[in-house]
Amino acid sequence: MSVDDLLSRAVRVFVTREPHGFPRPDPGGLEEEFGDAAAGLRPRLEALVTEMMELPLQGEDLVAGTRAAEVTVSVRHPELDPDAMAALGFYHSYCWR
């Protein structure tokens, strides 16, 4: 499966650190970046965030648990590029800390 550049970029915009420095879902930023297309992207993005957060924390520590979650989600969603997975992973790690 090839990378879905639009979805990957949308993940990075939706799960952002800006401007606060910590990751959080940002529907407003999504709408600003994607306009009318945001309404179609948002349910997919919320589902990805939920899927990531529903995974049990695995491993000896937060870093190992986050990496395990990233691997699981990247296998399930090969359409996401590494930067999108990193954004989801950072959000996962932040929420579990």
PDB file of N, CA and C in Angstrom:
ATOM      1  N   MET A   1       0.847  -1.174   0.000  1.00  0.00           N
ATOM      2  CA  MET A   1       0.000   0.000   0.000  1.00  0.00           C
ATOM      3  C   MET A   1       0.896   1.242   0.000  1.00  0.00           C
ATOM      4  N   SER A   2       0.493   2.235  -0.729  1.00  0.00           N
ATOM      5  CA  SER A   2       1.280   3.462  -0.794  1.00  0.00           C
ATOM      6  C   SER A   2       0.856   4.431   0.319  1.00  0.00           C
ATOM      7  N   VAL A   3       1.729   5.375   0.577  1.00  0.00           N
ATOM      8  CA  VAL A   3       1.476   6.380   1.614  1.00  0.00           C
ATOM      9  C   VAL A   3       0.398   7.347   1.135  1.00  0.00           C
ATOM     10  N   ASP A   4      -0.515   7.647   2.018  1.00  0.00           N
ATOM     11  CA  ASP A   4      -1.555   8.638   1.762  1.00  0.00           C
ATOM     12  C   ASP A   4      -1.039   9.977   2.298  1.00  0.00           C
ATOM     13  N   ASP A   5      -0.504  10.782   1.384  1.00  0.00           N
ATOM     14  CA  ASP A   5       0.114  12.046   1.796  1.00  0.00           C
ATOM     15  C   ASP A   5      -0.881  12.992   2.462  1.00  0.00           C
ATOM     16  N   LEU A   6      -2.096  13.040   1.945  1.00  0.00           N
ATOM     17  CA  LEU A   6      -3.110  13.922   2.520  1.00  0.00           C
ATOM     18  C   LEU A   6      -3.444  13.510   3.953  1.00  0.00           C
ATOM     19  N   LEU A   7      -3.702  12.227   4.152  1.00  0.00           N
ATOM     20  CA  LEU A   7      -4.042  11.738   5.492  1.00  0.00           C
ATOM     21  C   LEU A   7      -2.863  11.922   6.441  1.00  0.00           C
ATOM     22  N   SER A   8      -1.669  11.631   5.978  1.00  0.00           N
ATOM     23  CA  SER A   8      -0.484  11.780   6.827  1.00  0.00           C
ATOM     24  C   SER A   8      -0.282  13.234   7.246  1.00  0.00           C
ATOM     25  N   ARG A   9      -0.446  14.155   6.299  1.00  0.00           N
ATOM     26  CA  ARG A   9      -0.319  15.574   6.629  1.00  0.00           C
ATOM     27  C   ARG A   9      -1.425  15.993   7.590  1.00  0.00           C
ATOM     28  N   ALA A  10      -2.624  15.461   7.383  1.00  0.00           N
ATOM     29  CA  ALA A  10      -3.746  15.783   8.265  1.00  0.00           C
ATOM     30  C   ALA A  10      -3.491  15.289   9.687  1.00  0.00           C
ATOM     31  N   VAL A  11      -2.886  14.123   9.837  1.00  0.00           N
ATOM     32  CA  VAL A  11      -2.535  13.633  11.174  1.00  0.00           C
ATOM     33  C   VAL A  11      -1.587  14.609  11.852  1.00  0.00           C
ATOM     34  N   ARG A  12      -0.569  15.051  11.121  1.00  0.00           N
ATOM     35  CA  ARG A  12       0.416  15.978  11.697  1.00  0.00           C
ATOM     36  C   ARG A  12      -0.222  17.305  12.086  1.00  0.00           C
ATOM     37  N   VAL A  13      -1.199  17.755  11.323  1.00  0.00           N
ATOM     38  CA  VAL A  13      -1.886  19.009  11.641  1.00  0.00           C
ATOM     39  C   VAL A  13      -2.845  18.813  12.813  1.00  0.00           C
ATOM     40  N   PHE A  14      -3.582  17.702  12.800  1.00  0.00           N
ATOM     41  CA  PHE A  14      -4.606  17.445  13.816  1.00  0.00           C
ATOM     42  C   PHE A  14      -3.993  17.173  15.190  1.00  0.00           C
ATOM     43  N   VAL A  15      -2.938  16.377  15.221  1.00  0.00           N
ATOM     44  CA  VAL A  15      -2.272  16.051  16.489  1.00  0.00           C
ATOM     45  C   VAL A  15      -1.004  16.904  16.546  1.00  0.00           C
ATOM     46  N   THR A  16      -1.169  18.113  16.991  1.00  0.00           N
ATOM     47  CA  THR A  16      -0.094  19.098  16.923  1.00  0.00           C
ATOM     48  C   THR A  16       0.433  19.480  18.293  1.00  0.00           C
ATOM     49  N   ARG A  17       1.631  20.011  18.300  1.00  0.00           N
ATOM     50  CA  ARG A  17       2.227  20.564  19.526  1.00  0.00           C
ATOM     51  C   ARG A  17       2.087  22.083  19.551  1.00  0.00           C
ATOM     52  N   GLU A  18       1.781  22.647  18.427  1.00  0.00           N
ATOM     53  CA  GLU A  18       1.762  24.108  18.289  1.00  0.00           C
ATOM     54  C   GLU A  18       0.422  24.685  18.714  1.00  0.00           C
ATOM     55  N   PRO A  19       0.370  25.784  19.307  1.00  0.00           N
ATOM     56  CA  PRO A  19       1.469  26.628  19.777  1.00  0.00           C
ATOM     57  C   PRO A  19       1.837  26.367  21.229  1.00  0.00           C
ATOM     58  N   HIS A  20       1.254  25.345  21.842  1.00  0.00           N
ATOM     59  CA  HIS A  20       1.384  25.141  23.286  1.00  0.00           C
ATOM     60  C   HIS A  20       2.606  24.326  23.703  1.00  0.00           C
ATOM     61  N   GLY A  21       3.201  23.575  22.785  1.00  0.00           N
ATOM     62  CA  GLY A  21       4.358  22.755  23.124  1.00  0.00           C
ATOM     63  C   GLY A  21       4.006  21.341  23.544  1.00  0.00           C
ATOM     64  N   PHE A  22       2.741  21.064  23.729  1.00  0.00           N
ATOM     65  CA  PHE A  22       2.314  19.706  24.062  1.00  0.00           C
ATOM     66  C   PHE A  22       1.298  19.261  23.011  1.00  0.00           C
ATOM     67  N   PRO A  23       1.263  17.953  22.730  1.00  0.00           N
ATOM     68  CA  PRO A  23       0.360  17.474  21.672  1.00  0.00           C
ATOM     69  C   PRO A  23      -1.086  17.463  22.136  1.00  0.00           C
ATOM     70  N   ARG A  24      -1.960  17.767  21.185  1.00  0.00           N
ATOM     71  CA  ARG A  24      -3.396  17.731  21.452  1.00  0.00           C
ATOM     72  C   ARG A  24      -4.112  17.753  20.112  1.00  0.00           C
ATOM     73  N   PRO A  25      -5.276  17.140  20.061  1.00  0.00           N
ATOM     74  CA  PRO A  25      -6.074  17.246  18.832  1.00  0.00           C
ATOM     75  C   PRO A  25      -6.481  18.703  18.596  1.00  0.00           C
ATOM     76  N   ASP A  26      -6.378  19.137  17.359  1.00  0.00           N
ATOM     77  CA  ASP A  26      -6.657  20.524  17.022  1.00  0.00           C
ATOM     78  C   ASP A  26      -7.612  20.607  15.831  1.00  0.00           C
ATOM     79  N   PRO A  27      -8.920  20.471  16.080  1.00  0.00           N
ATOM     80  CA  PRO A  27      -9.893  20.571  14.990  1.00  0.00           C
ATOM     81  C   PRO A  27      -9.850  21.912  14.274  1.00  0.00           C
ATOM     82  N   GLY A  28      -9.585  22.980  15.002  1.00  0.00           N
ATOM     83  CA  GLY A  28      -9.511  24.298  14.389  1.00  0.00           C
ATOM     84  C   GLY A  28      -8.366  24.408  13.392  1.00  0.00           C
ATOM     85  N   GLY A  29      -7.216  23.866  13.770  1.00  0.00           N
ATOM     86  CA  GLY A  29      -6.070  23.864  12.861  1.00  0.00           C
ATOM     87  C   GLY A  29      -6.340  23.026  11.626  1.00  0.00           C
ATOM     88  N   LEU A  30      -7.071  21.942  11.819  1.00  0.00           N
ATOM     89  CA  LEU A  30      -7.441  21.084  10.695  1.00  0.00           C
ATOM     90  C   LEU A  30      -8.318  21.848   9.717  1.00  0.00           C
ATOM     91  N   GLU A  31      -9.309  22.553  10.237  1.00  0.00           N
ATOM     92  CA  GLU A  31     -10.200  23.333   9.376  1.00  0.00           C
ATOM     93  C   GLU A  31      -9.443  24.460   8.674  1.00  0.00           C
ATOM     94  N   GLU A  32      -8.543  25.083   9.401  1.00  0.00           N
ATOM     95  CA  GLU A  32      -7.758  26.167   8.811  1.00  0.00           C
ATOM     96  C   GLU A  32      -6.882  25.649   7.665  1.00  0.00           C
ATOM     97  N   GLU A  33      -6.277  24.492   7.860  1.00  0.00           N
ATOM     98  CA  GLU A  33      -5.358  23.929   6.861  1.00  0.00           C
ATOM     99  C   GLU A  33      -6.080  23.300   5.675  1.00  0.00           C
ATOM    100  N   PHE A  34      -7.212  22.635   5.929  1.00  0.00           N
ATOM    101  CA  PHE A  34      -7.854  21.831   4.888  1.00  0.00           C
ATOM    102  C   PHE A  34      -9.219  22.347   4.442  1.00  0.00           C
ATOM    103  N   GLY A  35      -9.706  23.386   5.057  1.00  0.00           N
ATOM    104  CA  GLY A  35     -10.978  23.964   4.636  1.00  0.00           C
ATOM    105  C   GLY A  35     -12.126  22.966   4.717  1.00  0.00           C
ATOM    106  N   ASP A  36     -12.919  22.907   3.653  1.00  0.00           N
ATOM    107  CA  ASP A  36     -14.091  22.026   3.622  1.00  0.00           C
ATOM    108  C   ASP A  36     -13.727  20.549   3.722  1.00  0.00           C
ATOM    109  N   ALA A  37     -12.524  20.182   3.306  1.00  0.00           N
ATOM    110  CA  ALA A  37     -12.092  18.783   3.365  1.00  0.00           C
ATOM    111  C   ALA A  37     -11.900  18.303   4.802  1.00  0.00           C
ATOM    112  N   ALA A  38     -11.761  19.236   5.741  1.00  0.00           N
ATOM    113  CA  ALA A  38     -11.549  18.864   7.142  1.00  0.00           C
ATOM    114  C   ALA A  38     -12.692  18.021   7.690  1.00  0.00           C
ATOM    115  N   ALA A  39     -13.908  18.322   7.275  1.00  0.00           N
ATOM    116  CA  ALA A  39     -15.067  17.572   7.775  1.00  0.00           C
ATOM    117  C   ALA A  39     -14.977  16.095   7.397  1.00  0.00           C
ATOM    118  N   GLY A  40     -14.457  15.800   6.233  1.00  0.00           N
ATOM    119  CA  GLY A  40     -14.295  14.408   5.815  1.00  0.00           C
ATOM    120  C   GLY A  40     -13.101  13.728   6.460  1.00  0.00           C
ATOM    121  N   LEU A  41     -12.078  14.484   6.789  1.00  0.00           N
ATOM    122  CA  LEU A  41     -10.866  13.938   7.400  1.00  0.00           C
ATOM    123  C   LEU A  41     -11.018  13.707   8.903  1.00  0.00           C
ATOM    124  N   ARG A  42     -11.764  14.567   9.561  1.00  0.00           N
ATOM    125  CA  ARG A  42     -11.822  14.534  11.023  1.00  0.00           C
ATOM    126  C   ARG A  42     -12.257  13.184  11.609  1.00  0.00           C
ATOM    127  N   PRO A  43     -13.292  12.521  11.083  1.00  0.00           N
ATOM    128  CA  PRO A  43     -13.646  11.221  11.668  1.00  0.00           C
ATOM    129  C   PRO A  43     -12.518  10.185  11.545  1.00  0.00           C
ATOM    130  N   ARG A  44     -11.800  10.206  10.442  1.00  0.00           N
ATOM    131  CA  ARG A  44     -10.672   9.281  10.265  1.00  0.00           C
ATOM    132  C   ARG A  44      -9.572   9.589  11.272  1.00  0.00           C
ATOM    133  N   LEU A  45      -9.305  10.857  11.483  1.00  0.00           N
ATOM    134  CA  LEU A  45      -8.256  11.257  12.411  1.00  0.00           C
ATOM    135  C   LEU A  45      -8.640  10.925  13.852  1.00  0.00           C
ATOM    136  N   GLU A  46      -9.873  11.198  14.199  1.00  0.00           N
ATOM    137  CA  GLU A  46     -10.325  10.853  15.556  1.00  0.00           C
ATOM    138  C   GLU A  46     -10.263   9.349  15.778  1.00  0.00           C
ATOM    139  N   ALA A  47     -10.589   8.571  14.759  1.00  0.00           N
ATOM    140  CA  ALA A  47     -10.519   7.108  14.875  1.00  0.00           C
ATOM    141  C   ALA A  47      -9.072   6.649  15.061  1.00  0.00           C
ATOM    142  N   LEU A  48      -8.136   7.265  14.349  1.00  0.00           N
ATOM    143  CA  LEU A  48      -6.726   6.902  14.501  1.00  0.00           C
ATOM    144  C   LEU A  48      -6.223   7.242  15.902  1.00  0.00           C
ATOM    145  N   VAL A  49      -6.575   8.409  16.402  1.00  0.00           N
ATOM    146  CA  VAL A  49      -6.167   8.799  17.750  1.00  0.00           C
ATOM    147  C   VAL A  49      -6.770   7.840  18.778  1.00  0.00           C
ATOM    148  N   THR A  50      -8.033   7.532  18.624  1.00  0.00           N
ATOM    149  CA  THR A  50      -8.693   6.605  19.549  1.00  0.00           C
ATOM    150  C   THR A  50      -8.050   5.227  19.497  1.00  0.00           C
ATOM    151  N   GLU A  51      -7.791   4.743  18.289  1.00  0.00           N
ATOM    152  CA  GLU A  51      -7.150   3.431  18.134  1.00  0.00           C
ATOM    153  C   GLU A  51      -5.796   3.404  18.843  1.00  0.00           C
ATOM    154  N   MET A  52      -5.021   4.439  18.669  1.00  0.00           N
ATOM    155  CA  MET A  52      -3.705   4.512  19.298  1.00  0.00           C
ATOM    156  C   MET A  52      -3.833   4.521  20.818  1.00  0.00           C
ATOM    157  N   MET A  53      -4.771   5.293  21.327  1.00  0.00           N
ATOM    158  CA  MET A  53      -4.899   5.440  22.775  1.00  0.00           C
ATOM    159  C   MET A  53      -5.539   4.228  23.445  1.00  0.00           C
ATOM    160  N   GLU A  54      -6.279   3.431  22.691  1.00  0.00           N
ATOM    161  CA  GLU A  54      -6.910   2.245  23.279  1.00  0.00           C
ATOM    162  C   GLU A  54      -5.957   1.064  23.393  1.00  0.00           C
ATOM    163  N   LEU A  55      -4.793   1.156  22.786  1.00  0.00           N
ATOM    164  CA  LEU A  55      -3.823   0.073  22.905  1.00  0.00           C
ATOM    165  C   LEU A  55      -3.283   0.037  24.331  1.00  0.00           C
ATOM    166  N   PRO A  56      -3.169  -1.147  24.910  1.00  0.00           N
ATOM    167  CA  PRO A  56      -2.593  -1.222  26.253  1.00  0.00           C
ATOM    168  C   PRO A  56      -1.113  -0.862  26.200  1.00  0.00           C
ATOM    169  N   LEU A  57      -0.628  -0.231  27.244  1.00  0.00           N
ATOM    170  CA  LEU A  57       0.784   0.133  27.314  1.00  0.00           C
ATOM    171  C   LEU A  57       1.602  -1.143  27.493  1.00  0.00           C
ATOM    172  N   GLN A  58       2.470  -1.400  26.543  1.00  0.00           N
ATOM    173  CA  GLN A  58       3.300  -2.610  26.560  1.00  0.00           C
ATOM    174  C   GLN A  58       4.745  -2.225  26.829  1.00  0.00           C
ATOM    175  N   GLY A  59       5.494  -3.156  27.362  1.00  0.00           N
ATOM    176  CA  GLY A  59       6.922  -2.922  27.561  1.00  0.00           C
ATOM    177  C   GLY A  59       7.240  -2.517  28.976  1.00  0.00           C
ATOM    178  N   GLU A  60       8.513  -2.298  29.169  1.00  0.00           N
ATOM    179  CA  GLU A  60       9.035  -1.986  30.499  1.00  0.00           C
ATOM    180  C   GLU A  60       8.815  -0.543  30.915  1.00  0.00           C
ATOM    181  N   ASP A  61       8.681   0.339  29.939  1.00  0.00           N
ATOM    182  CA  ASP A  61       8.560   1.752  30.268  1.00  0.00           C
ATOM    183  C   ASP A  61       7.747   2.469  29.194  1.00  0.00           C
ATOM    184  N   LEU A  62       7.596   3.766  29.366  1.00  0.00           N
ATOM    185  CA  LEU A  62       6.780   4.567  28.457  1.00  0.00           C
ATOM    186  C   LEU A  62       7.354   4.574  27.040  1.00  0.00           C
ATOM    187  N   VAL A  63       8.666   4.652  26.915  1.00  0.00           N
ATOM    188  CA  VAL A  63       9.286   4.682  25.593  1.00  0.00           C
ATOM    189  C   VAL A  63       9.024   3.372  24.861  1.00  0.00           C
ATOM    190  N   ALA A  64       9.244   2.262  25.528  1.00  0.00           N
ATOM    191  CA  ALA A  64       9.002   0.951  24.902  1.00  0.00           C
ATOM    192  C   ALA A  64       7.522   0.781  24.576  1.00  0.00           C
ATOM    193  N   GLY A  65       6.661   1.224  25.463  1.00  0.00           N
ATOM    194  CA  GLY A  65       5.228   1.118  25.223  1.00  0.00           C
ATOM    195  C   GLY A  65       4.778   1.959  24.039  1.00  0.00           C
ATOM    196  N   THR A  66       5.344   3.145  23.927  1.00  0.00           N
ATOM    197  CA  THR A  66       5.012   4.014  22.798  1.00  0.00           C
ATOM    198  C   THR A  66       5.500   3.409  21.494  1.00  0.00           C
ATOM    199  N   ARG A  67       6.717   2.900  21.476  1.00  0.00           N
ATOM    200  CA  ARG A  67       7.253   2.268  20.260  1.00  0.00           C
ATOM    201  C   ARG A  67       6.394   1.069  19.850  1.00  0.00           C
ATOM    202  N   ALA A  68       5.968   0.283  20.814  1.00  0.00           N
ATOM    203  CA  ALA A  68       5.114  -0.878  20.511  1.00  0.00           C
ATOM    204  C   ALA A  68       3.792  -0.416  19.902  1.00  0.00           C
ATOM    205  N   ALA A  69       3.213   0.656  20.446  1.00  0.00           N
ATOM    206  CA  ALA A  69       1.960   1.187  19.903  1.00  0.00           C
ATOM    207  C   ALA A  69       2.173   1.713  18.487  1.00  0.00           C
ATOM    208  N   GLU A  70       3.294   2.410  18.252  1.00  0.00           N
ATOM    209  CA  GLU A  70       3.593   2.912  16.912  1.00  0.00           C
ATOM    210  C   GLU A  70       3.717   1.774  15.904  1.00  0.00           C
ATOM    211  N   VAL A  71       4.382   0.704  16.305  1.00  0.00           N
ATOM    212  CA  VAL A  71       4.534  -0.448  15.402  1.00  0.00           C
ATOM    213  C   VAL A  71       3.175  -1.065  15.105  1.00  0.00           C
ATOM    214  N   THR A  72       2.371  -1.246  16.116  1.00  0.00           N
ATOM    215  CA  THR A  72       1.042  -1.844  15.929  1.00  0.00           C
ATOM    216  C   THR A  72       0.198  -1.008  14.971  1.00  0.00           C
ATOM    217  N   VAL A  73       0.144   0.285  15.198  1.00  0.00           N
ATOM    218  CA  VAL A  73      -0.681   1.147  14.359  1.00  0.00           C
ATOM    219  C   VAL A  73      -0.098   1.271  12.952  1.00  0.00           C
ATOM    220  N   SER A  74       1.218   1.294  12.833  1.00  0.00           N
ATOM    221  CA  SER A  74       1.807   1.409  11.492  1.00  0.00           C
ATOM    222  C   SER A  74       1.573   0.145  10.669  1.00  0.00           C
ATOM    223  N   VAL A  75       1.510  -1.013  11.317  1.00  0.00           N
ATOM    224  CA  VAL A  75       1.179  -2.250  10.598  1.00  0.00           C
ATOM    225  C   VAL A  75      -0.280  -2.212  10.149  1.00  0.00           C
ATOM    226  N   ARG A  76      -1.152  -1.726  11.010  1.00  0.00           N
ATOM    227  CA  ARG A  76      -2.577  -1.621  10.670  1.00  0.00           C
ATOM    228  C   ARG A  76      -2.846  -0.530   9.628  1.00  0.00           C
ATOM    229  N   HIS A  77      -1.997   0.490   9.607  1.00  0.00           N
ATOM    230  CA  HIS A  77      -2.220   1.655   8.737  1.00  0.00           C
ATOM    231  C   HIS A  77      -0.947   2.005   7.969  1.00  0.00           C
ATOM    232  N   PRO A  78      -0.571   1.161   7.023  1.00  0.00           N
ATOM    233  CA  PRO A  78       0.653   1.446   6.253  1.00  0.00           C
ATOM    234  C   PRO A  78       0.534   2.691   5.380  1.00  0.00           C
ATOM    235  N   GLU A  79      -0.657   3.236   5.273  1.00  0.00           N
ATOM    236  CA  GLU A  79      -0.848   4.455   4.484  1.00  0.00           C
ATOM    237  C   GLU A  79      -0.299   5.698   5.197  1.00  0.00           C
ATOM    238  N   LEU A  80       0.043   5.567   6.475  1.00  0.00           N
ATOM    239  CA  LEU A  80       0.583   6.705   7.229  1.00  0.00           C
ATOM    240  C   LEU A  80       2.100   6.757   7.100  1.00  0.00           C
ATOM    241  N   ASP A  81       2.625   7.953   6.864  1.00  0.00           N
ATOM    242  CA  ASP A  81       4.074   8.089   6.740  1.00  0.00           C
ATOM    243  C   ASP A  81       4.719   8.123   8.134  1.00  0.00           C
ATOM    244  N   PRO A  82       6.048   7.989   8.202  1.00  0.00           N
ATOM    245  CA  PRO A  82       6.727   7.969   9.508  1.00  0.00           C
ATOM    246  C   PRO A  82       6.490   9.219  10.360  1.00  0.00           C
ATOM    247  N   ASP A  83       6.360  10.378   9.731  1.00  0.00           N
ATOM    248  CA  ASP A  83       6.120  11.601  10.510  1.00  0.00           C
ATOM    249  C   ASP A  83       4.731  11.602  11.143  1.00  0.00           C
ATOM    250  N   ALA A  84       3.758  11.056  10.447  1.00  0.00           N
ATOM    251  CA  ALA A  84       2.413  10.944  11.018  1.00  0.00           C
ATOM    252  C   ALA A  84       2.435   9.973  12.200  1.00  0.00           C
ATOM    253  N   MET A  85       3.158   8.861  12.049  1.00  0.00           N
ATOM    254  CA  MET A  85       3.263   7.905  13.152  1.00  0.00           C
ATOM    255  C   MET A  85       3.977   8.529  14.340  1.00  0.00           C
ATOM    256  N   ALA A  86       4.994   9.340  14.072  1.00  0.00           N
ATOM    257  CA  ALA A  86       5.708  10.010  15.161  1.00  0.00           C
ATOM    258  C   ALA A  86       4.782  10.974  15.903  1.00  0.00           C
ATOM    259  N   ALA A  87       3.918  11.672  15.170  1.00  0.00           N
ATOM    260  CA  ALA A  87       2.963  12.581  15.814  1.00  0.00           C
ATOM    261  C   ALA A  87       1.994  11.807  16.702  1.00  0.00           C
ATOM    262  N   LEU A  88       1.478  10.702  16.191  1.00  0.00           N
ATOM    263  CA  LEU A  88       0.590   9.867  17.000  1.00  0.00           C
ATOM    264  C   LEU A  88       1.333   9.293  18.200  1.00  0.00           C
ATOM    265  N   GLY A  89       2.570   8.870  17.985  1.00  0.00           N
ATOM    266  CA  GLY A  89       3.374   8.317  19.075  1.00  0.00           C
ATOM    267  C   GLY A  89       3.652   9.342  20.160  1.00  0.00           C
ATOM    268  N   PHE A  90       3.949  10.573  19.759  1.00  0.00           N
ATOM    269  CA  PHE A  90       4.212  11.620  20.736  1.00  0.00           C
ATOM    270  C   PHE A  90       2.961  11.908  21.558  1.00  0.00           C
ATOM    271  N   TYR A  91       1.809  11.924  20.898  1.00  0.00           N
ATOM    272  CA  TYR A  91       0.559  12.138  21.609  1.00  0.00           C
ATOM    273  C   TYR A  91       0.299  10.988  22.595  1.00  0.00           C
ATOM    274  N   HIS A  92       0.499   9.763  22.138  1.00  0.00           N
ATOM    275  CA  HIS A  92       0.344   8.569  22.978  1.00  0.00           C
ATOM    276  C   HIS A  92       1.241   8.679  24.218  1.00  0.00           C
ATOM    277  N   SER A  93       2.486   8.997  23.993  1.00  0.00           N
ATOM    278  CA  SER A  93       3.444   9.097  25.083  1.00  0.00           C
ATOM    279  C   SER A  93       3.054  10.198  26.072  1.00  0.00           C
ATOM    280  N   TYR A  94       2.656  11.334  25.537  1.00  0.00           N
ATOM    281  CA  TYR A  94       2.259  12.448  26.390  1.00  0.00           C
ATOM    282  C   TYR A  94       1.064  12.073  27.266  1.00  0.00           C
ATOM    283  N   CYS A  95       0.094  11.427  26.670  1.00  0.00           N
ATOM    284  CA  CYS A  95      -1.121  11.062  27.412  1.00  0.00           C
ATOM    285  C   CYS A  95      -0.874   9.973  28.450  1.00  0.00           C
ATOM    286  N   TRP A  96       0.073   9.083  28.200  1.00  0.00           N
ATOM    287  CA  TRP A  96       0.345   7.997  29.130  1.00  0.00           C
ATOM    288  C   TRP A  96       1.321   8.404  30.250  1.00  0.00           C
ATOM    289  N   ARG A  97       1.987   9.525  30.090  1.00  0.00           N
ATOM    290  CA  ARG A  97       3.010   9.879  31.098  1.00  0.00           C
ATOM    291  C   ARG A  97       2.408  10.229  32.420  1.00  0.00           C
TER     292      ARG A  97
END
